Amino acid sequence: MRLTTKGRYAVTAMLDLAIRQPEGPLSLADISKRQEISLSYLEQLFAKLRRQNLVKSVRGPGGGYLLNKDADDIAVSAIIDAVNESIDATRCQRAGDCTHGETCLTHHLWCDLSDAIHDFLSGITLGELLRRREVQAIAQRQTQRADEEPQPLTLPHATGH
């Protein structure tokens, strides 16, 4: 299975967003901190997710991102598809171009596997993942860790006498 970090990070960020949806719009900086994903990388992913209407942005103070659909209506495969991440178990760029312009012996086997993986991920929604106990436990641990991190020290402005 060829699922790169782009697809994995997009699913992780969307699940983080879904978990915290009741809190209102979520900044990408918060997701970045909690999930340890580069902010600039998240910005690229969320631009693609927004174009596919999976998320919406809220501007202004307290702004950020929200799911644009109910979590039960967002399949994991839709997230991967939105960031142009193909689930391709073959090493072929296109049918009939496996080896020297011809289909290799196992091409159809790997195509069937790719289809099965896509079908599997099409049957799993963010809502289903949200309801999993282990996902809730991990989310709680991440929130506690983020809350316990020391905040930068800010010094009061000096006043002249």
Protein backbone atom coordinates (compact mmCIF):
# COMPACT_ATOMS: atom_id res chain seq x y z
CA MET A 1 0.00 0.00 0.00
CA ARG A 2 1.37 3.39 -0.95
CA LEU A 3 -0.06 5.84 1.55
CA THR A 4 2.39 8.66 2.15
CA THR A 5 2.57 11.21 4.93
CA LYS A 6 0.34 13.61 2.97
CA GLY A 7 -2.68 11.34 3.30
CA ARG A 8 -1.84 10.24 6.85
CA TYR A 9 -1.36 13.82 8.05
CA ALA A 10 -4.57 14.98 6.39
CA VAL A 11 -6.58 12.22 8.10
CA THR A 12 -4.88 12.92 11.45
CA ALA A 13 -5.55 16.66 11.21
CA MET A 14 -9.17 16.12 10.18
CA LEU A 15 -9.71 13.73 13.09
CA ASP A 16 -8.16 16.27 15.48
CA LEU A 17 -10.53 18.90 14.05
CA ALA A 18 -13.52 16.56 14.41
CA ILE A 19 -12.67 15.75 18.04
CA ARG A 20 -12.54 19.44 18.94
CA GLN A 21 -15.45 20.55 16.73
CA PRO A 22 -17.67 21.36 19.77
CA GLU A 23 -15.08 23.96 20.90
CA GLY A 24 -15.66 26.02 17.74
CA PRO A 25 -13.17 26.99 15.03
CA LEU A 26 -9.72 25.51 15.51
CA SER A 27 -6.51 27.14 14.38
CA LEU A 28 -4.01 25.19 12.34
CA ALA A 29 -1.37 26.26 14.85
CA ASP A 30 -3.24 24.30 17.55
CA ILE A 31 -3.42 21.21 15.33
CA SER A 32 0.23 21.65 14.40
CA LYS A 33 1.28 21.77 18.04
CA ARG A 34 -0.83 18.81 19.15
CA GLN A 35 -0.08 16.55 16.18
CA GLU A 36 3.49 17.71 15.58
CA ILE A 37 2.82 18.48 11.93
CA SER A 38 4.44 21.48 10.26
CA LEU A 39 2.14 24.50 10.14
CA SER A 40 3.06 25.28 6.54
CA TYR A 41 2.32 21.67 5.56
CA LEU A 42 -1.08 21.86 7.27
CA GLU A 43 -1.84 25.09 5.41
CA GLN A 44 -1.23 23.31 2.10
CA LEU A 45 -3.38 20.34 3.10
CA PHE A 46 -6.25 22.48 4.40
CA ALA A 47 -6.30 24.55 1.22
CA LYS A 48 -7.00 21.31 -0.65
CA LEU A 49 -9.51 20.11 1.94
CA ARG A 50 -11.34 23.44 1.71
CA ARG A 51 -11.49 23.26 -2.09
CA GLN A 52 -13.20 19.88 -1.74
CA ASN A 53 -15.70 21.34 0.78
CA LEU A 54 -14.56 19.09 3.62
CA VAL A 55 -13.67 22.05 5.85
CA LYS A 56 -14.63 25.69 6.03
CA SER A 57 -12.60 28.57 7.35
CA VAL A 58 -13.79 31.18 9.81
CA ARG A 59 -12.00 34.52 9.69
CA GLY A 60 -11.30 36.98 12.45
CA PRO A 61 -10.44 36.68 16.13
CA GLY A 62 -11.21 33.19 17.35
CA GLY A 63 -11.26 32.02 13.74
CA GLY A 64 -9.92 28.82 12.34
CA TYR A 65 -11.37 25.77 10.67
CA LEU A 66 -14.51 23.70 11.12
CA LEU A 67 -15.72 20.55 9.43
CA ASN A 68 -18.03 21.49 6.58
CA LYS A 69 -20.02 18.26 6.96
CA ASP A 70 -21.04 16.04 9.81
CA ALA A 71 -18.19 13.72 10.86
CA ASP A 72 -20.38 10.73 9.98
CA ASP A 73 -20.58 12.01 6.40
CA ILE A 74 -16.81 12.27 5.83
CA ALA A 75 -15.16 9.04 4.72
CA VAL A 76 -11.44 8.61 5.29
CA SER A 77 -11.07 7.92 1.56
CA ALA A 78 -12.60 11.35 0.77
CA ILE A 79 -9.90 13.04 2.84
CA ILE A 80 -7.14 11.12 1.09
CA ASP A 81 -8.70 11.81 -2.31
CA ALA A 82 -8.99 15.52 -1.46
CA VAL A 83 -5.27 15.91 -0.91
CA ASN A 84 -4.57 14.04 -4.16
CA GLU A 85 -3.13 11.08 -2.38
CA SER A 86 -3.63 7.97 -4.43
CA ILE A 87 -3.87 4.62 -2.73
CA ASP A 88 -1.92 2.67 -5.28
CA ALA A 89 -0.36 -0.63 -4.35
CA THR A 90 1.13 -0.99 -7.83
CA ARG A 91 4.38 0.60 -8.77
CA CYS A 92 2.96 1.40 -12.17
CA GLN A 93 2.25 4.94 -13.21
CA ARG A 94 -0.65 3.82 -15.39
CA ALA A 95 -2.15 0.60 -16.70
CA GLY A 96 -0.03 -1.12 -19.27
CA ASP A 97 3.18 0.68 -18.29
CA CYS A 98 4.61 -1.64 -15.65
CA THR A 99 7.72 -2.94 -17.37
CA HIS A 100 8.98 -1.65 -20.68
CA GLY A 101 5.53 -0.39 -21.66
CA GLU A 102 3.78 -3.67 -20.91
CA THR A 103 1.61 -4.87 -18.05
CA CYS A 104 3.57 -6.91 -15.50
CA LEU A 105 2.47 -10.32 -14.24
CA THR A 106 1.09 -9.04 -10.94
CA HIS A 107 -0.36 -5.72 -12.12
CA HIS A 108 -3.99 -6.78 -11.75
CA LEU A 109 -3.36 -8.25 -8.30
CA TRP A 110 -1.95 -4.91 -7.05
CA CYS A 111 -4.78 -2.98 -8.75
CA ASP A 112 -7.29 -5.19 -6.93
CA LEU A 113 -5.48 -4.54 -3.64
CA SER A 114 -5.57 -0.78 -4.22
CA ASP A 115 -9.30 -0.99 -4.94
CA ALA A 116 -9.88 -3.06 -1.78
CA ILE A 117 -7.97 -0.54 0.36
CA HIS A 118 -9.94 2.35 -1.13
CA ASP A 119 -13.20 0.47 -0.51
CA PHE A 120 -12.13 -0.24 3.08
CA LEU A 121 -11.32 3.43 3.75
CA SER A 122 -14.57 4.49 2.04
CA GLY A 123 -16.43 2.49 4.67
CA ILE A 124 -14.82 4.31 7.62
CA THR A 125 -15.95 7.80 8.61
CA LEU A 126 -14.48 10.38 10.95
CA GLY A 127 -17.56 9.87 13.12
CA GLU A 128 -16.78 6.19 13.54
CA LEU A 129 -13.20 6.99 14.49
CA LEU A 130 -14.42 9.61 16.99
CA ARG A 131 -16.44 6.99 18.83
CA ARG A 132 -13.51 4.66 19.30
CA ARG A 133 -12.34 4.58 22.93
CA GLU A 134 -8.66 4.45 22.04
CA VAL A 135 -9.00 7.56 19.85
CA GLN A 136 -10.70 9.41 22.72
CA ALA A 137 -7.95 8.33 25.15
CA ILE A 138 -5.20 9.50 22.82
CA ALA A 139 -6.96 12.83 22.21
CA GLN A 140 -7.27 13.37 25.96
CA ARG A 141 -3.58 12.60 26.47
CA GLN A 142 -2.60 15.04 23.70
CA THR A 143 -4.76 17.78 25.21
CA GLN A 144 -3.23 17.25 28.66
CA ARG A 145 0.28 17.29 27.22
CA ALA A 146 -0.42 20.53 25.33
CA ASP A 147 -1.90 22.11 28.48
CA GLU A 148 1.13 21.09 30.56
CA GLU A 149 3.75 22.51 28.21
CA PRO A 150 5.39 25.55 29.72
CA GLN A 151 4.18 28.81 28.24
CA PRO A 152 6.77 31.35 27.10
CA LEU A 153 7.72 33.74 29.87
CA THR A 154 6.51 37.27 29.25
CA LEU A 155 8.13 40.05 31.20
CA PRO A 156 6.17 43.12 32.24
CA HIS A 157 7.12 46.33 30.50
CA ALA A 158 9.71 48.28 32.44
CA THR A 159 8.59 51.68 33.66
CA GLY A 160 11.06 54.52 33.94
CA HIS A 161 11.44 56.37 37.28
